[in-house]
Amino acid sequence: MNSFLNESVGRKFLVGISGLFLIMFLTVHLAVNLFLIAGQEAYNMAAYFMASTPAIRVMEPLLAAGFLLHIAYSSVLTFTNQGTRPQKYALVDQSETSSWPSRNMFVLGFLILIFLVLHLSNFWYNMKFGEMTYIEYGGVEVQDAYSLVTGKFIIWWYAVIYVAGAVFLGLHLVHGFSSAFQTLGLSNKLWYRRLKLIGTIYAVIIAAGFAFIPLWFLFGNLFS
């Protein structure tokens, strides 16, 4: 098993499987975040459900492990490939045979990581360890996560950073979606183009969804 994980095919397998796991998480995360548009009670109750459901709480450490696994093995693959190329990357023109996102997955991943650290420090950390305001709905006392999140989104520079993070994520997914299936052997010549199209549509939906939310509150606050 260790020898498999130390080989290129094993590393690619772990990157692919962790990538698919994170894709599922992003879908759920966006769905929950869209409750922000429905209002304070809707989002607070959705956040409470996510935080209080045992199965979802069990998934938290698995999610963290998935992120770390994806980052670690993606980095190892990138640096290994850089070291084994017969020519330096800058001297090889791949613009006609590969897309810009596919050639810059590591850079996009690094930018997403920076955004993720900011996101966690502002939201997850405060919800777990900060002093939160509580609101009661139908006898159930829940954190006012809505005010915390929307309070950040009405700050223009934070909204811009969040939109940029959504764009970086979308570009990363454009190549990462189909690449994950291909790495796991779930893609052939017939399905490759289909998966590329599905992946592009999925990436646009995810990026547009995450970008729309802060812009909704930013412009709503400016014109209210």
C-alpha atoms as a PDB file:
ATOM      1  CA  MET A   1       0.000   0.000   0.000  1.00  0.00           C
ATOM      2  CA  ASN A   2       2.790   2.434   0.910  1.00  0.00           C
ATOM      3  CA  SER A   3       4.592   1.727  -2.357  1.00  0.00           C
ATOM      4  CA  PHE A   4       1.378   2.434  -4.279  1.00  0.00           C
ATOM      5  CA  LEU A   5       0.915   5.786  -2.527  1.00  0.00           C
ATOM      6  CA  ASN A   6       4.527   6.699  -3.189  1.00  0.00           C
ATOM      7  CA  GLU A   7       4.157   6.084  -6.921  1.00  0.00           C
ATOM      8  CA  SER A   8       2.818   8.704  -9.341  1.00  0.00           C
ATOM      9  CA  VAL A   9      -0.332   6.689 -10.113  1.00  0.00           C
ATOM     10  CA  GLY A  10      -1.087   6.342  -6.387  1.00  0.00           C
ATOM     11  CA  ARG A  11      -0.646  10.060  -5.783  1.00  0.00           C
ATOM     12  CA  LYS A  12      -2.885  10.887  -8.723  1.00  0.00           C
ATOM     13  CA  PHE A  13      -5.506   8.484  -7.358  1.00  0.00           C
ATOM     14  CA  LEU A  14      -5.509  10.257  -3.979  1.00  0.00           C
ATOM     15  CA  VAL A  15      -5.699  13.677  -5.633  1.00  0.00           C
ATOM     16  CA  GLY A  16      -8.620  12.472  -7.769  1.00  0.00           C
ATOM     17  CA  ILE A  17     -10.611  10.810  -4.979  1.00  0.00           C
ATOM     18  CA  SER A  18     -10.071  13.715  -2.568  1.00  0.00           C
ATOM     19  CA  GLY A  19     -11.032  16.115  -5.371  1.00  0.00           C
ATOM     20  CA  LEU A  20     -14.353  14.346  -5.937  1.00  0.00           C
ATOM     21  CA  PHE A  21     -14.998  14.405  -2.200  1.00  0.00           C
ATOM     22  CA  LEU A  22     -14.388  18.172  -2.109  1.00  0.00           C
ATOM     23  CA  ILE A  23     -16.625  18.675  -5.163  1.00  0.00           C
ATOM     24  CA  MET A  24     -19.506  17.065  -3.244  1.00  0.00           C
ATOM     25  CA  PHE A  25     -18.753  19.288  -0.256  1.00  0.00           C
ATOM     26  CA  LEU A  26     -18.769  22.427  -2.404  1.00  0.00           C
ATOM     27  CA  THR A  27     -22.200  21.509  -3.769  1.00  0.00           C
ATOM     28  CA  VAL A  28     -23.648  21.132  -0.266  1.00  0.00           C
ATOM     29  CA  HIS A  29     -21.843  24.247   1.003  1.00  0.00           C
ATOM     30  CA  LEU A  30     -23.235  26.411  -1.801  1.00  0.00           C
ATOM     31  CA  ALA A  31     -26.745  25.042  -1.237  1.00  0.00           C
ATOM     32  CA  VAL A  32     -26.565  26.014   2.455  1.00  0.00           C
ATOM     33  CA  ASN A  33     -25.073  29.438   1.670  1.00  0.00           C
ATOM     34  CA  LEU A  34     -27.933  30.215  -0.714  1.00  0.00           C
ATOM     35  CA  PHE A  35     -30.240  30.206   2.320  1.00  0.00           C
ATOM     36  CA  LEU A  36     -28.679  33.617   3.045  1.00  0.00           C
ATOM     37  CA  ILE A  37     -30.834  35.026   0.250  1.00  0.00           C
ATOM     38  CA  ALA A  38     -33.954  33.622   1.948  1.00  0.00           C
ATOM     39  CA  GLY A  39     -33.318  35.669   5.080  1.00  0.00           C
ATOM     40  CA  GLN A  40     -31.992  35.575   8.610  1.00  0.00           C
ATOM     41  CA  GLU A  41     -34.156  32.831  10.081  1.00  0.00           C
ATOM     42  CA  ALA A  42     -33.784  30.527   7.071  1.00  0.00           C
ATOM     43  CA  TYR A  43     -29.986  30.725   7.091  1.00  0.00           C
ATOM     44  CA  ASN A  44     -29.602  30.531  10.860  1.00  0.00           C
ATOM     45  CA  MET A  45     -31.751  27.413  11.008  1.00  0.00           C
ATOM     46  CA  ALA A  46     -29.863  25.869   8.079  1.00  0.00           C
ATOM     47  CA  ALA A  47     -26.551  26.607   9.812  1.00  0.00           C
ATOM     48  CA  TYR A  48     -27.926  25.169  13.060  1.00  0.00           C
ATOM     49  CA  PHE A  49     -29.002  21.987  11.265  1.00  0.00           C
ATOM     50  CA  MET A  50     -25.527  21.587   9.754  1.00  0.00           C
ATOM     51  CA  ALA A  51     -23.812  22.191  13.104  1.00  0.00           C
ATOM     52  CA  SER A  52     -26.085  19.977  15.201  1.00  0.00           C
ATOM     53  CA  THR A  53     -26.596  16.950  12.955  1.00  0.00           C
ATOM     54  CA  PRO A  54     -24.333  14.113  14.219  1.00  0.00           C
ATOM     55  CA  ALA A  55     -23.588  12.703  10.752  1.00  0.00           C
ATOM     56  CA  ILE A  56     -22.465  16.104   9.484  1.00  0.00           C
ATOM     57  CA  ARG A  57     -20.341  16.716  12.585  1.00  0.00           C
ATOM     58  CA  VAL A  58     -18.583  13.416  11.930  1.00  0.00           C
ATOM     59  CA  MET A  59     -17.850  14.644   8.405  1.00  0.00           C
ATOM     60  CA  GLU A  60     -15.944  17.721   9.660  1.00  0.00           C
ATOM     61  CA  PRO A  61     -12.658  15.923  10.451  1.00  0.00           C
ATOM     62  CA  LEU A  62     -13.027  13.899   7.232  1.00  0.00           C
ATOM     63  CA  LEU A  63     -13.454  17.134   5.315  1.00  0.00           C
ATOM     64  CA  ALA A  64     -10.343  18.621   6.917  1.00  0.00           C
ATOM     65  CA  ALA A  65      -8.421  15.433   6.090  1.00  0.00           C
ATOM     66  CA  GLY A  66      -9.681  15.605   2.502  1.00  0.00           C
ATOM     67  CA  PHE A  67      -8.450  19.161   2.101  1.00  0.00           C
ATOM     68  CA  LEU A  68      -5.043  18.364   3.586  1.00  0.00           C
ATOM     69  CA  LEU A  69      -4.714  15.211   1.472  1.00  0.00           C
ATOM     70  CA  HIS A  70      -5.643  17.059  -1.705  1.00  0.00           C
ATOM     71  CA  ILE A  71      -3.232  19.919  -1.007  1.00  0.00           C
ATOM     72  CA  ALA A  72      -0.341  17.674   0.043  1.00  0.00           C
ATOM     73  CA  TYR A  73      -0.476  15.197  -2.840  1.00  0.00           C
ATOM     74  CA  SER A  74      -1.231  17.881  -5.434  1.00  0.00           C
ATOM     75  CA  SER A  75       1.902  19.718  -4.280  1.00  0.00           C
ATOM     76  CA  VAL A  76       3.995  16.555  -4.380  1.00  0.00           C
ATOM     77  CA  LEU A  77       2.791  15.759  -7.910  1.00  0.00           C
ATOM     78  CA  THR A  78       3.470  19.304  -9.102  1.00  0.00           C
ATOM     79  CA  PHE A  79       7.022  19.456  -7.768  1.00  0.00           C
ATOM     80  CA  THR A  80       7.762  15.904  -8.935  1.00  0.00           C
ATOM     81  CA  ASN A  81       6.568  16.694 -12.449  1.00  0.00           C
ATOM     82  CA  GLN A  82       8.587  19.906 -12.487  1.00  0.00           C
ATOM     83  CA  GLY A  83      11.714  17.982 -11.541  1.00  0.00           C
ATOM     84  CA  THR A  84      11.280  15.211 -14.120  1.00  0.00           C
ATOM     85  CA  ARG A  85      10.573  17.401 -17.179  1.00  0.00           C
ATOM     86  CA  PRO A  86      13.355  17.195 -19.777  1.00  0.00           C
ATOM     87  CA  GLN A  87      12.842  20.870 -20.555  1.00  0.00           C
ATOM     88  CA  LYS A  88      12.035  23.729 -18.266  1.00  0.00           C
ATOM     89  CA  TYR A  89       8.349  24.530 -18.196  1.00  0.00           C
ATOM     90  CA  ALA A  90       8.852  28.102 -19.375  1.00  0.00           C
ATOM     91  CA  LEU A  91      10.455  26.851 -22.604  1.00  0.00           C
ATOM     92  CA  VAL A  92       7.618  24.513 -23.517  1.00  0.00           C
ATOM     93  CA  ASP A  93       4.671  26.085 -25.312  1.00  0.00           C
ATOM     94  CA  GLN A  94       1.573  24.142 -24.288  1.00  0.00           C
ATOM     95  CA  SER A  95      -0.958  26.903 -24.956  1.00  0.00           C
ATOM     96  CA  GLU A  96      -2.314  25.122 -28.037  1.00  0.00           C
ATOM     97  CA  THR A  97      -2.669  21.688 -26.434  1.00  0.00           C
ATOM     98  CA  SER A  98      -3.913  22.522 -22.931  1.00  0.00           C
ATOM     99  CA  SER A  99      -6.117  25.098 -21.243  1.00  0.00           C
ATOM    100  CA  TRP A 100      -4.854  27.911 -19.025  1.00  0.00           C
ATOM    101  CA  PRO A 101      -6.437  26.427 -15.864  1.00  0.00           C
ATOM    102  CA  SER A 102      -4.838  23.017 -16.522  1.00  0.00           C
ATOM    103  CA  ARG A 103      -1.387  24.660 -16.766  1.00  0.00           C
ATOM    104  CA  ASN A 104      -1.900  26.693 -13.602  1.00  0.00           C
ATOM    105  CA  MET A 105      -3.691  24.315 -11.253  1.00  0.00           C
ATOM    106  CA  PHE A 106      -1.040  24.676  -8.554  1.00  0.00           C
ATOM    107  CA  VAL A 107      -1.147  28.495  -8.661  1.00  0.00           C
ATOM    108  CA  LEU A 108      -4.949  28.480  -8.550  1.00  0.00           C
ATOM    109  CA  GLY A 109      -4.864  25.984  -5.699  1.00  0.00           C
ATOM    110  CA  PHE A 110      -2.473  28.199  -3.737  1.00  0.00           C
ATOM    111  CA  LEU A 111      -4.721  31.245  -4.228  1.00  0.00           C
ATOM    112  CA  ILE A 112      -7.734  29.200  -3.107  1.00  0.00           C
ATOM    113  CA  LEU A 113      -5.795  28.100  -0.016  1.00  0.00           C
ATOM    114  CA  ILE A 114      -5.109  31.729   0.925  1.00  0.00           C
ATOM    115  CA  PHE A 115      -8.793  32.518   0.477  1.00  0.00           C
ATOM    116  CA  LEU A 116      -9.765  29.447   2.521  1.00  0.00           C
ATOM    117  CA  VAL A 117      -7.608  30.550   5.460  1.00  0.00           C
ATOM    118  CA  LEU A 118      -9.279  33.988   5.392  1.00  0.00           C
ATOM    119  CA  HIS A 119     -12.722  32.394   5.104  1.00  0.00           C
ATOM    120  CA  LEU A 120     -12.154  30.025   8.031  1.00  0.00           C
ATOM    121  CA  SER A 121     -10.661  32.720  10.258  1.00  0.00           C
ATOM    122  CA  ASN A 122     -13.643  35.021   9.694  1.00  0.00           C
ATOM    123  CA  PHE A 123     -16.492  32.535   9.831  1.00  0.00           C
ATOM    124  CA  TRP A 124     -15.678  29.025  11.073  1.00  0.00           C
ATOM    125  CA  TYR A 125     -13.336  30.180  13.863  1.00  0.00           C
ATOM    126  CA  ASN A 126     -15.782  32.789  15.157  1.00  0.00           C
ATOM    127  CA  MET A 127     -18.680  30.352  15.088  1.00  0.00           C
ATOM    128  CA  LYS A 128     -16.663  27.724  16.970  1.00  0.00           C
ATOM    129  CA  PHE A 129     -14.643  29.840  19.407  1.00  0.00           C
ATOM    130  CA  GLY A 130     -15.803  33.455  19.137  1.00  0.00           C
ATOM    131  CA  GLU A 131     -18.487  35.341  21.031  1.00  0.00           C
ATOM    132  CA  MET A 132     -21.621  34.836  18.977  1.00  0.00           C
ATOM    133  CA  THR A 133     -25.053  36.411  19.348  1.00  0.00           C
ATOM    134  CA  TYR A 134     -27.899  33.918  19.811  1.00  0.00           C
ATOM    135  CA  ILE A 135     -31.487  34.111  18.558  1.00  0.00           C
ATOM    136  CA  GLU A 136     -34.453  31.932  19.542  1.00  0.00           C
ATOM    137  CA  TYR A 137     -36.736  30.404  16.911  1.00  0.00           C
ATOM    138  CA  GLY A 138     -39.664  28.335  18.156  1.00  0.00           C
ATOM    139  CA  GLY A 139     -37.975  27.612  21.460  1.00  0.00           C
ATOM    140  CA  VAL A 140     -34.657  26.661  19.823  1.00  0.00           C
ATOM    141  CA  GLU A 141     -31.686  28.938  20.555  1.00  0.00           C
ATOM    142  CA  VAL A 142     -29.290  29.204  17.610  1.00  0.00           C
ATOM    143  CA  GLN A 143     -26.258  31.270  16.655  1.00  0.00           C
ATOM    144  CA  ASP A 144     -26.923  34.381  14.590  1.00  0.00           C
ATOM    145  CA  ALA A 145     -24.578  33.252  11.824  1.00  0.00           C
ATOM    146  CA  TYR A 146     -26.546  35.368   9.355  1.00  0.00           C
ATOM    147  CA  SER A 147     -25.442  38.657  10.940  1.00  0.00           C
ATOM    148  CA  LEU A 148     -21.826  37.474  11.091  1.00  0.00           C
ATOM    149  CA  VAL A 149     -21.717  36.536   7.411  1.00  0.00           C
ATOM    150  CA  THR A 150     -23.688  39.446   6.002  1.00  0.00           C
ATOM    151  CA  GLY A 151     -21.720  41.847   8.179  1.00  0.00           C
ATOM    152  CA  LYS A 152     -18.606  40.847   6.237  1.00  0.00           C
ATOM    153  CA  PHE A 153     -20.257  40.914   2.825  1.00  0.00           C
ATOM    154  CA  ILE A 154     -21.309  44.564   3.105  1.00  0.00           C
ATOM    155  CA  ILE A 155     -17.606  45.503   3.383  1.00  0.00           C
ATOM    156  CA  TRP A 156     -16.609  46.156  -0.229  1.00  0.00           C
ATOM    157  CA  TRP A 157     -13.034  44.871  -0.074  1.00  0.00           C
ATOM    158  CA  TYR A 158     -14.093  41.642   1.618  1.00  0.00           C
ATOM    159  CA  ALA A 159     -16.817  41.135  -0.989  1.00  0.00           C
ATOM    160  CA  VAL A 160     -14.219  41.650  -3.739  1.00  0.00           C
ATOM    161  CA  ILE A 161     -11.886  39.090  -2.131  1.00  0.00           C
ATOM    162  CA  TYR A 162     -14.760  36.612  -1.845  1.00  0.00           C
ATOM    163  CA  VAL A 163     -15.723  37.084  -5.494  1.00  0.00           C
ATOM    164  CA  ALA A 164     -12.073  36.648  -6.528  1.00  0.00           C
ATOM    165  CA  GLY A 165     -11.928  33.444  -4.467  1.00  0.00           C
ATOM    166  CA  ALA A 166     -15.042  32.184  -6.267  1.00  0.00           C
ATOM    167  CA  VAL A 167     -13.447  32.922  -9.647  1.00  0.00           C
ATOM    168  CA  PHE A 168     -10.221  31.114  -8.691  1.00  0.00           C
ATOM    169  CA  LEU A 169     -12.286  28.160  -7.484  1.00  0.00           C
ATOM    170  CA  GLY A 170     -14.266  28.050 -10.726  1.00  0.00           C
ATOM    171  CA  LEU A 171     -11.102  28.081 -12.843  1.00  0.00           C
ATOM    172  CA  HIS A 172      -9.634  25.306 -10.698  1.00  0.00           C
ATOM    173  CA  LEU A 173     -12.779  23.213 -11.156  1.00  0.00           C
ATOM    174  CA  VAL A 174     -12.875  23.676 -14.939  1.00  0.00           C
ATOM    175  CA  HIS A 175      -9.933  21.286 -15.248  1.00  0.00           C
ATOM    176  CA  GLY A 176     -10.178  19.533 -11.884  1.00  0.00           C
ATOM    177  CA  PHE A 177     -13.680  18.096 -12.393  1.00  0.00           C
ATOM    178  CA  SER A 178     -12.935  16.067 -15.529  1.00  0.00           C
ATOM    179  CA  SER A 179      -9.379  15.356 -14.409  1.00  0.00           C
ATOM    180  CA  ALA A 180     -10.627  13.682 -11.210  1.00  0.00           C
ATOM    181  CA  PHE A 181     -12.845  11.273 -13.174  1.00  0.00           C
ATOM    182  CA  GLN A 182     -10.089  10.607 -15.689  1.00  0.00           C
ATOM    183  CA  THR A 183      -7.536   9.854 -12.964  1.00  0.00           C
ATOM    184  CA  LEU A 184      -9.873   7.316 -11.381  1.00  0.00           C
ATOM    185  CA  GLY A 185     -10.384   5.597 -14.730  1.00  0.00           C
ATOM    186  CA  LEU A 186     -14.005   6.740 -14.963  1.00  0.00           C
ATOM    187  CA  SER A 187     -13.512   8.518 -18.263  1.00  0.00           C
ATOM    188  CA  ASN A 188     -12.857   7.288 -21.795  1.00  0.00           C
ATOM    189  CA  LYS A 189     -12.602   9.005 -25.175  1.00  0.00           C
ATOM    190  CA  LEU A 190     -16.391   8.991 -25.557  1.00  0.00           C
ATOM    191  CA  TRP A 191     -17.022  10.497 -22.147  1.00  0.00           C
ATOM    192  CA  TYR A 192     -14.028  12.815 -21.930  1.00  0.00           C
ATOM    193  CA  ARG A 193     -15.637  15.654 -23.911  1.00  0.00           C
ATOM    194  CA  ARG A 194     -18.910  15.161 -22.073  1.00  0.00           C
ATOM    195  CA  LEU A 195     -17.170  15.363 -18.708  1.00  0.00           C
ATOM    196  CA  LYS A 196     -15.281  18.455 -19.841  1.00  0.00           C
ATOM    197  CA  LEU A 197     -18.601  20.113 -20.713  1.00  0.00           C
ATOM    198  CA  ILE A 198     -20.274  18.955 -17.484  1.00  0.00           C
ATOM    199  CA  GLY A 199     -17.244  20.114 -15.505  1.00  0.00           C
ATOM    200  CA  THR A 200     -17.286  23.538 -17.138  1.00  0.00           C
ATOM    201  CA  ILE A 201     -21.010  23.971 -16.444  1.00  0.00           C
ATOM    202  CA  TYR A 202     -20.515  22.817 -12.849  1.00  0.00           C
ATOM    203  CA  ALA A 203     -17.564  25.193 -12.374  1.00  0.00           C
ATOM    204  CA  VAL A 204     -19.575  28.143 -13.704  1.00  0.00           C
ATOM    205  CA  ILE A 205     -22.517  27.333 -11.410  1.00  0.00           C
ATOM    206  CA  ILE A 206     -20.292  27.001  -8.333  1.00  0.00           C
ATOM    207  CA  ALA A 207     -18.270  30.147  -9.091  1.00  0.00           C
ATOM    208  CA  ALA A 208     -21.334  32.213 -10.002  1.00  0.00           C
ATOM    209  CA  GLY A 209     -23.227  30.988  -6.941  1.00  0.00           C
ATOM    210  CA  PHE A 210     -20.487  31.819  -4.453  1.00  0.00           C
ATOM    211  CA  ALA A 211     -19.796  35.181  -6.162  1.00  0.00           C
ATOM    212  CA  PHE A 212     -23.471  36.155  -6.323  1.00  0.00           C
ATOM    213  CA  ILE A 213     -24.038  35.966  -2.556  1.00  0.00           C
ATOM    214  CA  PRO A 214     -21.569  38.677  -1.397  1.00  0.00           C
ATOM    215  CA  LEU A 215     -22.530  40.898  -4.349  1.00  0.00           C
ATOM    216  CA  TRP A 216     -26.216  40.548  -3.397  1.00  0.00           C
ATOM    217  CA  PHE A 217     -25.559  41.937   0.087  1.00  0.00           C
ATOM    218  CA  LEU A 218     -22.939  44.478  -0.976  1.00  0.00           C
ATOM    219  CA  PHE A 219     -25.138  46.143  -3.599  1.00  0.00           C
ATOM    220  CA  GLY A 220     -28.235  45.687  -1.460  1.00  0.00           C
ATOM    221  CA  ASN A 221     -26.517  47.645   1.315  1.00  0.00           C
ATOM    222  CA  LEU A 222     -25.234  50.336  -1.074  1.00  0.00           C
ATOM    223  CA  PHE A 223     -28.642  50.994  -2.601  1.00  0.00           C
ATOM    224  CA  SER A 224     -30.807  50.536   0.468  1.00  0.00           C
END
